[in-house]
Each structure stands twice: as C-alpha cells, then as structure tokens.
C-alpha cells in the first residue's frame, strides 16, 4: 500500500492560531506600610494600571505631602494609586470605578490590605461629580486622574470639565496628579503655569498644587 505523502510545512493548510490568553500581571504596592503586598490584576488591557516605575516616580515627587490627605482615585481600576497613597500615610481613599467586574476586583484589593474602613469603592461614572464629590470632606485632597488615554481625545470636553470643576472645588493645599499621553496639552487646564509636567514615555504626568487664594 502506497504511503501517504505528508506535505512540507509550507504546503500545509494554514491553521488559525488560538488567541493567546491574557496572563495575570504582577502588581504590588511599592512603598509605605504595605510595601511589597500584591494586588490582584488579571491583565485586562482596559484597566491599564500606571506602570510601577511611573508610580514610584510620582510618589517620590509627592513625598510627605501625601500624608493625612483624602485621596480621590478617579477611574480607579485596580486601585493601585489610591491604595499606594493610603500605604504611604493618606488618611483615607475614595475610589471611583464604573466597570462592575473591575469594581469587584478593586474591592478584593481593598480587602486584601484590610482597608475596608479606610477605602471606599464607589461604582459610578467619574464624570458625574454630583454622585460622589460630597464624600471628600473639607480637608485637602489628593486627586489621581489616570483614565484610558483615549478619553483625552474622545471625551476631551468632559475630561476638561471634570478636572476644571474639581480644581475649582478643591480646598487649598489639594494636589492633582493627571496621567495622559503626548496627545494631551496640559496648557488647557486651569492655571497652566502651575503644572509640573514630566514625561515617562508613553505616559506624560502633570502634578498641580492648589495654592491659597489672595
């Protein structure tokens, strides 16, 4: 019986490669009392946590000013920014996340650190300030804004309105950390000369301190 010829690889029918599964990515608290503690992150690209090197650089710039502030983590995702701030001495954190599965994972991270009494997860649209701004109190805030970069293009108007409204409402001494990419012009924000803008490609980070009025 004739043997069946097996064609060489370049003659074989093309096979459809299976879509690679997204592997969990290591994510941890960098400094403070929870230094080295791991956070849960399944690798969902929609979440895109700030890279460790950028987060470390940001907190080095903030220094001890983090202490005793009320943290607002907009588009919180894993909560890495807000929880890092609490680890470094912030009084408490309000974490805003609209995506329900992400918010569930965020609550798990809060529980992993035992911070249920110090970190509140609010499932809400970050652009609707009326739903959560009254939770921030009268003392100075530390506001993190690290949304998907596309928001600065696709939702440019609402982004500027959100940040402008928060800066106007924030008590004196509040600090803002805004992460974008090179498409965003920080000169569009209130008091453009007051922003300290640093580049950590592909990220661009601006830090702003609201000074007391005249």
N, C-alpha and C. Protein backbone atom coordinates (compact mmCIF):
# COMPACT_ATOMS: atom_id res chain seq x y z
N UNK A 1 0.85 -1.19 0.00
CA UNK A 1 0.00 0.00 0.00
C UNK A 1 0.89 1.24 0.00
N UNK A 2 0.53 2.16 -0.88
CA UNK A 2 1.34 3.37 -1.00
C UNK A 2 1.23 4.20 0.27
N UNK A 3 2.37 4.74 0.67
CA UNK A 3 2.40 5.58 1.87
C UNK A 3 1.90 6.98 1.52
N UNK A 4 1.09 7.54 2.42
CA UNK A 4 0.56 8.89 2.17
C UNK A 4 1.66 9.92 2.38
N UNK A 5 1.79 10.78 1.40
CA UNK A 5 2.83 11.81 1.48
C UNK A 5 2.38 12.92 2.42
N UNK A 6 3.24 13.26 3.37
CA UNK A 6 2.97 14.37 4.29
C UNK A 6 3.62 15.62 3.71
N UNK A 7 2.83 16.63 3.34
CA UNK A 7 3.42 17.81 2.71
C UNK A 7 4.32 18.56 3.67
N UNK A 8 5.34 19.23 3.13
CA UNK A 8 6.18 20.08 3.99
C UNK A 8 5.35 21.20 4.60
N UNK A 9 5.92 21.79 5.63
CA UNK A 9 5.15 22.76 6.40
C UNK A 9 4.64 23.91 5.56
N UNK A 10 5.41 24.33 4.53
CA UNK A 10 4.96 25.48 3.75
C UNK A 10 3.84 25.13 2.77
N UNK A 11 3.49 23.81 2.64
CA UNK A 11 2.39 23.42 1.79
C UNK A 11 1.14 23.07 2.58
N UNK A 12 1.26 22.98 3.89
CA UNK A 12 0.13 22.55 4.70
C UNK A 12 -0.91 23.66 4.81
N UNK A 13 -2.18 23.29 4.96
CA UNK A 13 -3.20 24.33 5.12
C UNK A 13 -2.91 25.18 6.35
N UNK A 14 -3.18 26.45 6.20
CA UNK A 14 -2.94 27.38 7.32
C UNK A 14 -3.88 27.05 8.47
N UNK A 15 -3.34 27.07 9.66
CA UNK A 15 -4.14 26.84 10.85
C UNK A 15 -4.38 28.18 11.54
N UNK A 16 -5.55 28.35 12.07
CA UNK A 16 -5.86 29.59 12.80
C UNK A 16 -5.29 29.47 14.20
N UNK A 17 -4.37 30.36 14.54
CA UNK A 17 -3.77 30.34 15.87
C UNK A 17 -4.79 30.74 16.91
N UNK A 18 -4.76 30.04 18.01
CA UNK A 18 -5.66 30.40 19.10
C UNK A 18 -5.26 31.75 19.67
N UNK A 19 -6.24 32.54 20.02
CA UNK A 19 -5.95 33.84 20.63
C UNK A 19 -5.30 33.62 21.98
N UNK A 20 -4.11 34.22 22.18
CA UNK A 20 -3.44 33.98 23.46
C UNK A 20 -4.25 34.52 24.63
N UNK A 21 -4.27 33.76 25.68
CA UNK A 21 -4.97 34.22 26.89
C UNK A 21 -4.16 35.32 27.54
N UNK A 22 -4.85 36.25 28.16
CA UNK A 22 -4.17 37.32 28.87
C UNK A 22 -3.72 36.79 30.22
N UNK A 23 -2.43 36.81 30.45
CA UNK A 23 -1.88 36.29 31.70
C UNK A 23 -1.94 37.35 32.79
N UNK A 24 -2.16 36.93 34.02
CA UNK A 24 -2.12 37.90 35.11
C UNK A 24 -0.77 38.61 35.17
N UNK A 25 -0.80 39.87 35.49
CA UNK A 25 0.40 40.70 35.54
C UNK A 25 0.70 41.02 36.99
N UNK A 26 1.98 40.96 37.36
CA UNK A 26 2.35 41.28 38.73
C UNK A 26 2.12 42.74 39.04
N UNK A 27 1.46 43.01 40.15
CA UNK A 27 1.18 44.38 40.56
C UNK A 27 1.31 44.42 42.07
N UNK A 28 2.03 45.42 42.58
CA UNK A 28 2.31 45.43 44.01
C UNK A 28 2.34 46.86 44.52
N UNK A 29 2.21 47.00 45.83
CA UNK A 29 2.42 48.28 46.50
C UNK A 29 3.92 48.52 46.59
N UNK A 30 4.35 49.72 46.23
CA UNK A 30 5.79 50.00 46.13
C UNK A 30 6.38 50.49 47.45
N UNK A 31 5.63 51.28 48.21
CA UNK A 31 6.21 51.86 49.43
C UNK A 31 5.21 51.98 50.55
N UNK A 32 5.70 52.34 51.73
CA UNK A 32 4.84 52.53 52.88
C UNK A 32 4.60 51.24 53.65
N UNK A 33 3.56 51.26 54.48
CA UNK A 33 3.34 50.14 55.40
C UNK A 33 2.93 48.85 54.69
N UNK A 34 2.43 48.95 53.46
CA UNK A 34 2.05 47.75 52.71
C UNK A 34 3.06 47.42 51.61
N UNK A 35 4.24 47.97 51.72
CA UNK A 35 5.25 47.77 50.69
C UNK A 35 5.44 46.28 50.37
N UNK A 36 5.41 45.96 49.07
CA UNK A 36 5.61 44.59 48.63
C UNK A 36 4.35 43.77 48.56
N UNK A 37 3.24 44.26 49.13
CA UNK A 37 1.99 43.49 49.08
C UNK A 37 1.44 43.48 47.65
N UNK A 38 0.99 42.33 47.22
CA UNK A 38 0.50 42.16 45.86
C UNK A 38 -0.96 42.57 45.75
N UNK A 39 -1.30 43.12 44.58
CA UNK A 39 -2.68 43.45 44.25
C UNK A 39 -3.15 42.54 43.12
N UNK A 40 -4.45 42.30 43.07
CA UNK A 40 -4.99 41.46 42.02
C UNK A 40 -5.23 42.27 40.76
N UNK A 41 -4.70 41.75 39.66
CA UNK A 41 -4.91 42.36 38.34
C UNK A 41 -4.81 41.25 37.31
N UNK A 42 -5.89 41.04 36.56
CA UNK A 42 -5.96 39.91 35.64
C UNK A 42 -5.33 40.19 34.28
N UNK A 43 -4.82 41.41 34.07
CA UNK A 43 -4.19 41.72 32.80
C UNK A 43 -5.13 42.35 31.79
N UNK A 44 -6.33 42.75 32.19
CA UNK A 44 -7.28 43.38 31.28
C UNK A 44 -6.70 44.69 30.78
N UNK A 45 -6.53 44.80 29.46
CA UNK A 45 -5.89 45.99 28.89
C UNK A 45 -6.73 47.24 29.07
N UNK A 46 -8.03 47.09 29.32
CA UNK A 46 -8.87 48.28 29.54
C UNK A 46 -8.53 48.95 30.86
N UNK A 47 -7.96 48.20 31.78
CA UNK A 47 -7.66 48.75 33.11
C UNK A 47 -6.35 49.54 33.10
N UNK A 48 -5.31 49.02 32.49
CA UNK A 48 -4.02 49.69 32.31
C UNK A 48 -3.53 50.42 33.57
N UNK A 49 -3.09 49.71 34.59
CA UNK A 49 -2.56 50.40 35.76
C UNK A 49 -1.31 51.22 35.39
N UNK A 50 -1.10 52.32 36.10
CA UNK A 50 0.13 53.09 35.91
C UNK A 50 1.32 52.18 36.17
N UNK A 51 2.31 52.23 35.30
CA UNK A 51 3.47 51.36 35.44
C UNK A 51 4.20 51.63 36.76
N UNK A 52 4.79 50.57 37.29
CA UNK A 52 5.46 50.68 38.59
C UNK A 52 6.49 51.81 38.60
N UNK A 53 7.29 51.91 37.55
CA UNK A 53 8.35 52.93 37.54
C UNK A 53 7.76 54.34 37.55
N UNK A 54 6.62 54.51 36.87
CA UNK A 54 5.98 55.82 36.84
C UNK A 54 5.34 56.11 38.20
N UNK A 55 4.68 55.11 38.77
CA UNK A 55 4.06 55.29 40.08
C UNK A 55 5.12 55.64 41.13
N UNK A 56 6.26 54.96 41.08
CA UNK A 56 7.32 55.26 42.04
C UNK A 56 7.83 56.69 41.86
N UNK A 57 8.01 57.11 40.59
CA UNK A 57 8.47 58.47 40.33
C UNK A 57 7.46 59.50 40.84
N UNK A 58 6.18 59.24 40.62
CA UNK A 58 5.14 60.17 41.07
C UNK A 58 5.15 60.31 42.58
N UNK A 59 5.23 59.20 43.29
CA UNK A 59 5.20 59.28 44.76
C UNK A 59 6.50 59.86 45.31
N UNK A 60 7.59 59.71 44.60
CA UNK A 60 8.82 60.40 45.02
C UNK A 60 8.65 61.91 44.89
N UNK A 61 7.94 62.35 43.85
CA UNK A 61 7.69 63.79 43.68
C UNK A 61 6.72 64.31 44.73
N UNK A 62 5.70 63.53 45.04
CA UNK A 62 4.72 63.95 46.06
C UNK A 62 5.33 63.98 47.46
N UNK A 63 6.19 63.00 47.74
CA UNK A 63 6.87 62.96 49.03
C UNK A 63 5.90 62.91 50.20
N UNK A 64 6.25 63.57 51.31
CA UNK A 64 5.42 63.51 52.52
C UNK A 64 4.09 64.25 52.41
N UNK A 65 3.87 64.98 51.31
CA UNK A 65 2.61 65.71 51.18
C UNK A 65 1.40 64.79 51.06
N UNK A 66 1.65 63.50 50.81
CA UNK A 66 0.56 62.52 50.73
C UNK A 66 -0.13 62.36 52.08
N UNK A 67 0.62 62.51 53.15
CA UNK A 67 0.12 62.17 54.48
C UNK A 67 -1.10 63.01 54.86
N UNK A 68 -2.07 62.29 55.43
CA UNK A 68 -3.28 62.88 56.01
C UNK A 68 -4.25 63.46 54.98
N UNK A 69 -3.96 63.34 53.70
CA UNK A 69 -4.90 63.83 52.69
C UNK A 69 -6.00 62.80 52.42
N UNK A 70 -7.14 63.30 51.93
CA UNK A 70 -8.20 62.43 51.45
C UNK A 70 -7.94 62.18 49.98
N UNK A 71 -7.73 60.92 49.61
CA UNK A 71 -7.38 60.57 48.24
C UNK A 71 -8.65 60.32 47.43
N UNK A 72 -8.67 60.88 46.24
CA UNK A 72 -9.71 60.59 45.26
C UNK A 72 -9.03 59.94 44.06
N UNK A 73 -9.35 58.68 43.81
CA UNK A 73 -8.78 57.95 42.69
C UNK A 73 -9.87 57.78 41.64
N UNK A 74 -9.86 58.66 40.64
CA UNK A 74 -10.80 58.60 39.53
C UNK A 74 -10.40 57.47 38.58
N UNK A 75 -11.37 56.83 37.95
CA UNK A 75 -11.07 55.73 37.02
C UNK A 75 -10.11 54.76 37.71
N UNK A 76 -10.48 54.30 38.89
CA UNK A 76 -9.53 53.68 39.82
C UNK A 76 -8.95 52.37 39.33
N UNK A 77 -9.69 51.58 38.55
CA UNK A 77 -9.14 50.31 38.08
C UNK A 77 -8.80 49.38 39.22
N UNK A 78 -7.55 49.01 39.33
CA UNK A 78 -7.09 48.14 40.42
C UNK A 78 -7.03 48.85 41.76
N UNK A 79 -7.05 50.20 41.73
CA UNK A 79 -6.89 50.97 42.96
C UNK A 79 -5.44 51.16 43.36
N UNK A 80 -4.51 50.82 42.46
CA UNK A 80 -3.09 50.87 42.83
C UNK A 80 -2.64 52.25 43.29
N UNK A 81 -3.16 53.32 42.66
CA UNK A 81 -2.74 54.66 43.06
C UNK A 81 -3.32 55.04 44.42
N UNK A 82 -4.63 54.89 44.57
CA UNK A 82 -5.24 55.25 45.84
C UNK A 82 -4.74 54.42 47.00
N UNK A 83 -4.57 53.12 46.79
CA UNK A 83 -4.11 52.25 47.88
C UNK A 83 -2.64 52.49 48.19
N UNK A 84 -1.85 52.82 47.18
CA UNK A 84 -0.45 53.21 47.41
C UNK A 84 -0.39 54.44 48.31
N UNK A 85 -1.29 55.40 48.03
CA UNK A 85 -1.31 56.63 48.84
C UNK A 85 -1.67 56.33 50.29
N UNK A 86 -2.66 55.46 50.52
CA UNK A 86 -3.02 55.09 51.89
C UNK A 86 -1.85 54.38 52.56
N UNK A 87 -1.17 53.52 51.81
CA UNK A 87 0.01 52.84 52.35
C UNK A 87 1.06 53.83 52.82
N UNK A 88 1.13 54.99 52.16
CA UNK A 88 2.14 56.00 52.48
C UNK A 88 1.63 57.08 53.42
N UNK A 89 0.47 56.89 54.01
CA UNK A 89 0.04 57.80 55.07
C UNK A 89 -1.16 58.66 54.78
N UNK A 90 -1.80 58.50 53.61
CA UNK A 90 -3.03 59.25 53.35
C UNK A 90 -4.10 58.82 54.35
N UNK A 91 -4.99 59.75 54.69
CA UNK A 91 -5.99 59.48 55.72
C UNK A 91 -6.99 58.44 55.27
N UNK A 92 -7.50 58.56 54.06
CA UNK A 92 -8.45 57.60 53.53
C UNK A 92 -8.53 57.80 52.01
N UNK A 93 -9.25 56.89 51.33
CA UNK A 93 -9.34 56.96 49.88
C UNK A 93 -10.78 56.74 49.43
N UNK A 94 -11.17 57.49 48.42
CA UNK A 94 -12.43 57.27 47.72
C UNK A 94 -12.06 56.84 46.30
N UNK A 95 -12.49 55.64 45.91
CA UNK A 95 -12.08 55.01 44.67
C UNK A 95 -13.29 54.92 43.74
N UNK A 96 -13.24 55.60 42.60
CA UNK A 96 -14.36 55.65 41.67
C UNK A 96 -14.08 54.71 40.49
N UNK A 97 -14.97 53.77 40.27
CA UNK A 97 -14.82 52.83 39.14
C UNK A 97 -16.20 52.44 38.63
N UNK A 98 -16.43 52.64 37.35
CA UNK A 98 -17.75 52.39 36.77
C UNK A 98 -17.94 50.95 36.33
N UNK A 99 -16.88 50.28 35.88
CA UNK A 99 -16.98 48.93 35.32
C UNK A 99 -17.17 47.92 36.46
N UNK A 100 -18.33 47.24 36.49
CA UNK A 100 -18.67 46.41 37.64
C UNK A 100 -17.67 45.28 37.91
N UNK A 101 -17.23 44.50 36.91
CA UNK A 101 -16.24 43.45 37.21
C UNK A 101 -14.94 44.03 37.77
N UNK A 102 -14.51 45.17 37.24
CA UNK A 102 -13.30 45.81 37.76
C UNK A 102 -13.52 46.29 39.18
N UNK A 103 -14.70 46.84 39.46
CA UNK A 103 -15.01 47.30 40.81
C UNK A 103 -15.00 46.15 41.81
N UNK A 104 -15.45 44.96 41.38
CA UNK A 104 -15.41 43.80 42.28
C UNK A 104 -13.96 43.44 42.61
N UNK A 105 -13.10 43.44 41.59
CA UNK A 105 -11.68 43.16 41.84
C UNK A 105 -11.06 44.24 42.71
N UNK A 106 -11.49 45.47 42.53
CA UNK A 106 -11.00 46.58 43.34
C UNK A 106 -11.37 46.38 44.81
N UNK A 107 -12.59 45.97 45.06
CA UNK A 107 -13.00 45.69 46.45
C UNK A 107 -12.17 44.55 47.04
N UNK A 108 -11.82 43.57 46.21
CA UNK A 108 -10.97 42.48 46.68
C UNK A 108 -9.60 43.00 47.10
N UNK A 109 -9.05 43.96 46.35
CA UNK A 109 -7.76 44.53 46.71
C UNK A 109 -7.84 45.32 48.01
N UNK A 110 -8.93 46.04 48.19
CA UNK A 110 -9.14 46.75 49.45
C UNK A 110 -9.17 45.76 50.61
N UNK A 111 -9.89 44.65 50.41
CA UNK A 111 -10.00 43.64 51.46
C UNK A 111 -8.67 42.94 51.72
N UNK A 112 -7.89 42.69 50.66
CA UNK A 112 -6.59 42.04 50.83
C UNK A 112 -5.69 42.83 51.78
N UNK A 113 -5.82 44.15 51.73
CA UNK A 113 -5.00 45.01 52.59
C UNK A 113 -5.68 45.33 53.91
N UNK A 114 -6.90 44.84 54.10
CA UNK A 114 -7.62 45.12 55.34
C UNK A 114 -8.00 46.58 55.48
N UNK A 115 -8.34 47.24 54.37
CA UNK A 115 -8.60 48.68 54.38
C UNK A 115 -10.08 49.03 54.19
N UNK A 116 -10.96 48.10 54.52
CA UNK A 116 -12.38 48.36 54.30
C UNK A 116 -12.87 49.62 55.01
N UNK A 117 -12.28 49.97 56.14
CA UNK A 117 -12.72 51.17 56.87
C UNK A 117 -12.00 52.44 56.40
N UNK A 118 -10.99 52.28 55.55
CA UNK A 118 -10.18 53.44 55.10
C UNK A 118 -10.29 53.71 53.60
N UNK A 119 -10.93 52.82 52.87
CA UNK A 119 -11.02 52.99 51.41
C UNK A 119 -12.42 52.62 50.96
N UNK A 120 -13.12 53.59 50.38
CA UNK A 120 -14.49 53.37 49.91
C UNK A 120 -14.50 53.23 48.40
N UNK A 121 -15.08 52.14 47.91
CA UNK A 121 -15.24 51.92 46.47
C UNK A 121 -16.64 52.37 46.07
N UNK A 122 -16.70 53.30 45.13
CA UNK A 122 -17.99 53.79 44.63
C UNK A 122 -18.10 53.39 43.16
N UNK A 123 -19.11 52.61 42.84
CA UNK A 123 -19.34 52.20 41.45
C UNK A 123 -20.17 53.31 40.80
N UNK A 124 -19.51 54.15 40.03
CA UNK A 124 -20.17 55.32 39.46
C UNK A 124 -19.38 55.84 38.28
N UNK A 125 -20.04 56.62 37.46
CA UNK A 125 -19.39 57.31 36.35
C UNK A 125 -18.59 58.48 36.92
N UNK A 126 -17.29 58.48 36.69
CA UNK A 126 -16.43 59.53 37.25
C UNK A 126 -16.80 60.92 36.75
N UNK A 127 -17.44 61.00 35.59
CA UNK A 127 -17.80 62.31 35.05
C UNK A 127 -18.99 62.93 35.77
N UNK A 128 -19.73 62.14 36.54
CA UNK A 128 -20.90 62.64 37.25
C UNK A 128 -20.50 62.98 38.68
N UNK A 129 -19.89 64.14 38.86
CA UNK A 129 -19.31 64.52 40.15
C UNK A 129 -20.35 64.59 41.26
N UNK A 130 -21.57 64.95 40.92
CA UNK A 130 -22.60 65.13 41.94
C UNK A 130 -22.88 63.84 42.71
N UNK A 131 -22.53 62.70 42.12
CA UNK A 131 -22.82 61.41 42.76
C UNK A 131 -21.81 61.04 43.83
N UNK A 132 -20.63 61.70 43.85
CA UNK A 132 -19.61 61.26 44.80
C UNK A 132 -18.79 62.39 45.43
N UNK A 133 -18.86 63.61 44.92
CA UNK A 133 -17.95 64.65 45.41
C UNK A 133 -18.20 65.00 46.87
N UNK A 134 -19.43 64.85 47.35
CA UNK A 134 -19.70 65.21 48.74
C UNK A 134 -19.06 64.25 49.74
N UNK A 135 -18.44 63.16 49.25
CA UNK A 135 -17.75 62.21 50.15
C UNK A 135 -16.34 62.68 50.50
N UNK A 136 -15.85 63.77 49.92
CA UNK A 136 -14.42 64.09 50.00
C UNK A 136 -14.06 64.94 51.21
N UNK A 137 -15.00 65.56 51.85
CA UNK A 137 -14.69 66.32 53.06
C UNK A 137 -14.07 67.68 52.78
N UNK A 138 -13.72 68.36 53.86
CA UNK A 138 -13.26 69.75 53.78
C UNK A 138 -11.74 69.89 53.77
N UNK A 139 -11.01 68.85 54.17
CA UNK A 139 -9.56 68.94 54.19
C UNK A 139 -8.96 68.80 52.80
N UNK A 140 -7.65 69.00 52.66
CA UNK A 140 -7.01 68.90 51.35
C UNK A 140 -7.16 67.51 50.73
N UNK A 141 -7.32 67.50 49.42
CA UNK A 141 -7.47 66.27 48.66
C UNK A 141 -6.16 65.93 47.95
N UNK A 142 -6.02 64.67 47.59
CA UNK A 142 -5.00 64.22 46.64
C UNK A 142 -5.76 63.48 45.55
N UNK A 143 -5.82 64.07 44.37
CA UNK A 143 -6.65 63.56 43.28
C UNK A 143 -5.77 62.90 42.22
N UNK A 144 -6.08 61.63 41.92
CA UNK A 144 -5.41 60.91 40.84
C UNK A 144 -6.39 60.77 39.67
N UNK A 145 -5.95 61.16 38.49
CA UNK A 145 -6.75 61.01 37.28
C UNK A 145 -5.91 60.26 36.26
N UNK A 146 -6.18 58.96 36.12
CA UNK A 146 -5.39 58.12 35.22
C UNK A 146 -6.35 57.26 34.39
N UNK A 147 -7.10 57.90 33.47
CA UNK A 147 -8.08 57.17 32.68
C UNK A 147 -7.43 56.54 31.45
N UNK A 148 -8.19 55.79 30.66
CA UNK A 148 -7.66 55.39 29.34
C UNK A 148 -7.23 56.64 28.58
N UNK A 149 -6.06 56.59 27.96
CA UNK A 149 -5.54 57.77 27.27
C UNK A 149 -6.51 58.29 26.21
N UNK A 150 -7.28 57.39 25.60
CA UNK A 150 -8.21 57.80 24.54
C UNK A 150 -9.26 58.78 25.04
N UNK A 151 -9.53 58.78 26.35
CA UNK A 151 -10.53 59.71 26.88
C UNK A 151 -10.14 61.17 26.61
N UNK A 152 -8.84 61.45 26.60
CA UNK A 152 -8.40 62.83 26.38
C UNK A 152 -8.66 63.30 24.95
N UNK A 153 -8.95 62.35 24.07
CA UNK A 153 -9.27 62.67 22.67
C UNK A 153 -10.77 62.51 22.44
N UNK A 154 -11.29 61.33 22.79
CA UNK A 154 -12.69 61.02 22.51
C UNK A 154 -13.66 61.75 23.44
N UNK A 155 -13.22 62.08 24.65
CA UNK A 155 -14.07 62.76 25.63
C UNK A 155 -13.36 64.00 26.17
N UNK A 156 -12.74 64.72 25.26
CA UNK A 156 -11.90 65.86 25.67
C UNK A 156 -12.68 66.88 26.47
N UNK A 157 -13.88 67.24 26.01
CA UNK A 157 -14.68 68.23 26.73
C UNK A 157 -15.03 67.79 28.14
N UNK A 158 -15.62 66.61 28.31
CA UNK A 158 -15.94 66.15 29.67
C UNK A 158 -14.70 66.01 30.56
N UNK A 159 -13.56 65.59 29.99
CA UNK A 159 -12.35 65.48 30.81
C UNK A 159 -11.93 66.84 31.35
N UNK A 160 -11.93 67.85 30.50
CA UNK A 160 -11.54 69.19 30.94
C UNK A 160 -12.54 69.75 31.94
N UNK A 161 -13.82 69.47 31.72
CA UNK A 161 -14.84 69.94 32.66
C UNK A 161 -14.69 69.25 34.02
N UNK A 162 -14.41 67.95 34.00
CA UNK A 162 -14.22 67.21 35.25
C UNK A 162 -13.05 67.77 36.04
N UNK A 163 -11.90 67.90 35.40
CA UNK A 163 -10.71 68.37 36.10
C UNK A 163 -10.85 69.83 36.52
N UNK A 164 -11.39 70.65 35.63
CA UNK A 164 -11.58 72.06 35.97
C UNK A 164 -12.53 72.24 37.15
N UNK A 165 -13.61 71.46 37.17
CA UNK A 165 -14.56 71.56 38.27
C UNK A 165 -13.96 71.11 39.59
N UNK A 166 -13.17 70.05 39.56
CA UNK A 166 -12.55 69.56 40.79
C UNK A 166 -11.50 70.54 41.31
N UNK A 167 -10.73 71.12 40.41
CA UNK A 167 -9.72 72.09 40.84
C UNK A 167 -10.40 73.30 41.48
N UNK A 168 -11.50 73.75 40.88
CA UNK A 168 -12.22 74.89 41.44
C UNK A 168 -12.80 74.57 42.82
N UNK A 169 -13.28 73.34 43.01
CA UNK A 169 -13.93 72.97 44.26
C UNK A 169 -12.97 72.54 45.35
N UNK A 170 -11.76 72.17 44.99
CA UNK A 170 -10.81 71.59 45.95
C UNK A 170 -10.37 72.60 47.00
N UNK A 171 -10.22 72.17 48.24
CA UNK A 171 -9.65 73.05 49.27
C UNK A 171 -8.20 73.41 48.94
N UNK A 172 -7.76 74.54 49.46
CA UNK A 172 -6.36 74.94 49.28
C UNK A 172 -5.44 73.87 49.85
N UNK A 173 -4.33 73.64 49.18
CA UNK A 173 -3.39 72.61 49.59
C UNK A 173 -3.63 71.27 48.91
N UNK A 174 -4.73 71.16 48.15
CA UNK A 174 -5.01 69.92 47.42
C UNK A 174 -4.01 69.74 46.29
N UNK A 175 -3.74 68.49 45.96
CA UNK A 175 -2.82 68.16 44.87
C UNK A 175 -3.52 67.29 43.84
N UNK A 176 -3.13 67.48 42.60
CA UNK A 176 -3.69 66.74 41.48
C UNK A 176 -2.58 66.06 40.72
N UNK A 177 -2.80 64.78 40.39
CA UNK A 177 -1.86 64.02 39.56
C UNK A 177 -2.66 63.52 38.35
N UNK A 178 -2.29 64.00 37.17
CA UNK A 178 -3.00 63.65 35.94
C UNK A 178 -2.06 62.91 35.02
N UNK A 179 -2.44 61.69 34.64
CA UNK A 179 -1.64 60.90 33.70
C UNK A 179 -2.35 60.88 32.35
N UNK A 180 -1.62 61.24 31.31
CA UNK A 180 -2.13 61.22 29.94
C UNK A 180 -1.02 60.67 29.04
N UNK A 181 -1.14 60.94 27.74
CA UNK A 181 -0.02 60.68 26.85
C UNK A 181 0.28 61.96 26.09
N UNK A 182 1.12 61.86 25.06
CA UNK A 182 1.61 63.08 24.40
C UNK A 182 0.52 63.83 23.64
N UNK A 183 -0.65 63.23 23.47
CA UNK A 183 -1.72 63.91 22.74
C UNK A 183 -2.41 64.99 23.58
N UNK A 184 -2.23 64.93 24.91
CA UNK A 184 -2.93 65.87 25.78
C UNK A 184 -2.07 67.09 26.05
N UNK A 185 -2.67 68.26 25.93
CA UNK A 185 -1.98 69.52 26.19
C UNK A 185 -2.38 70.03 27.58
N UNK A 186 -1.45 69.95 28.52
CA UNK A 186 -1.74 70.39 29.89
C UNK A 186 -2.02 71.89 29.97
N UNK A 187 -1.67 72.64 28.92
CA UNK A 187 -1.96 74.07 28.91
C UNK A 187 -3.46 74.35 28.87
N UNK A 188 -4.27 73.33 28.59
CA UNK A 188 -5.72 73.51 28.57
C UNK A 188 -6.32 73.52 29.97
N UNK A 189 -5.56 73.11 30.97
CA UNK A 189 -6.07 73.01 32.34
C UNK A 189 -5.98 74.37 33.05
N UNK A 190 -6.75 74.56 34.12
CA UNK A 190 -6.65 75.81 34.88
C UNK A 190 -5.23 76.04 35.39
N UNK A 191 -4.84 77.32 35.45
CA UNK A 191 -3.51 77.72 35.93
C UNK A 191 -2.41 76.90 35.24
N UNK A 192 -2.31 76.99 33.91
CA UNK A 192 -1.37 76.14 33.17
C UNK A 192 0.08 76.27 33.62
N UNK A 193 0.46 77.47 34.10
CA UNK A 193 1.85 77.66 34.53
C UNK A 193 2.15 76.91 35.82
N UNK A 194 1.10 76.48 36.54
CA UNK A 194 1.31 75.83 37.83
C UNK A 194 1.54 74.33 37.75
N UNK A 195 1.47 73.75 36.56
CA UNK A 195 1.61 72.31 36.41
C UNK A 195 3.07 71.92 36.21
N UNK A 196 3.51 70.95 36.99
CA UNK A 196 4.84 70.34 36.81
C UNK A 196 4.64 69.11 35.94
N UNK A 197 5.03 69.19 34.68
CA UNK A 197 4.76 68.14 33.71
C UNK A 197 6.03 67.34 33.44
N UNK A 198 5.94 66.04 33.60
CA UNK A 198 7.08 65.13 33.40
C UNK A 198 6.71 64.07 32.37
N UNK A 199 7.71 63.62 31.59
CA UNK A 199 7.49 62.61 30.57
C UNK A 199 8.11 61.29 30.99
N UNK A 200 7.30 60.23 30.95
CA UNK A 200 7.74 58.87 31.21
C UNK A 200 7.17 58.00 30.09
N UNK A 201 7.71 58.13 28.87
CA UNK A 201 7.08 57.53 27.68
C UNK A 201 6.59 56.12 27.90
N UNK A 202 5.34 55.84 27.44
CA UNK A 202 4.44 56.73 26.70
C UNK A 202 3.63 57.68 27.59
N UNK A 203 3.80 57.60 28.90
CA UNK A 203 3.00 58.44 29.80
C UNK A 203 3.57 59.85 29.91
N UNK A 204 2.67 60.79 30.11
CA UNK A 204 3.02 62.16 30.49
C UNK A 204 2.22 62.47 31.75
N UNK A 205 2.90 62.91 32.79
CA UNK A 205 2.25 63.12 34.08
C UNK A 205 2.40 64.58 34.50
N UNK A 206 1.28 65.18 34.88
CA UNK A 206 1.29 66.54 35.39
C UNK A 206 0.87 66.55 36.85
N UNK A 207 1.59 67.32 37.67
CA UNK A 207 1.28 67.45 39.10
C UNK A 207 0.99 68.92 39.40
N UNK A 208 -0.07 69.16 40.15
CA UNK A 208 -0.50 70.53 40.42
C UNK A 208 -0.89 70.66 41.89
N UNK A 209 -0.47 71.73 42.52
CA UNK A 209 -0.85 72.05 43.90
C UNK A 209 -1.72 73.30 43.88
N UNK A 210 -2.90 73.21 44.48
CA UNK A 210 -3.77 74.38 44.55
C UNK A 210 -3.36 75.23 45.74
N UNK A 211 -2.88 76.42 45.45
CA UNK A 211 -2.42 77.32 46.48
C UNK A 211 -3.57 78.12 47.06
N UNK A 212 -3.42 78.66 48.26
CA UNK A 212 -4.49 79.51 48.83
C UNK A 212 -4.71 80.73 47.95
N UNK A 213 -5.94 81.18 47.86
CA UNK A 213 -6.26 82.37 47.08
C UNK A 213 -5.76 83.63 47.75
N UNK A 214 -5.77 84.76 47.02
CA UNK A 214 -5.30 86.02 47.60
C UNK A 214 -6.17 86.49 48.77
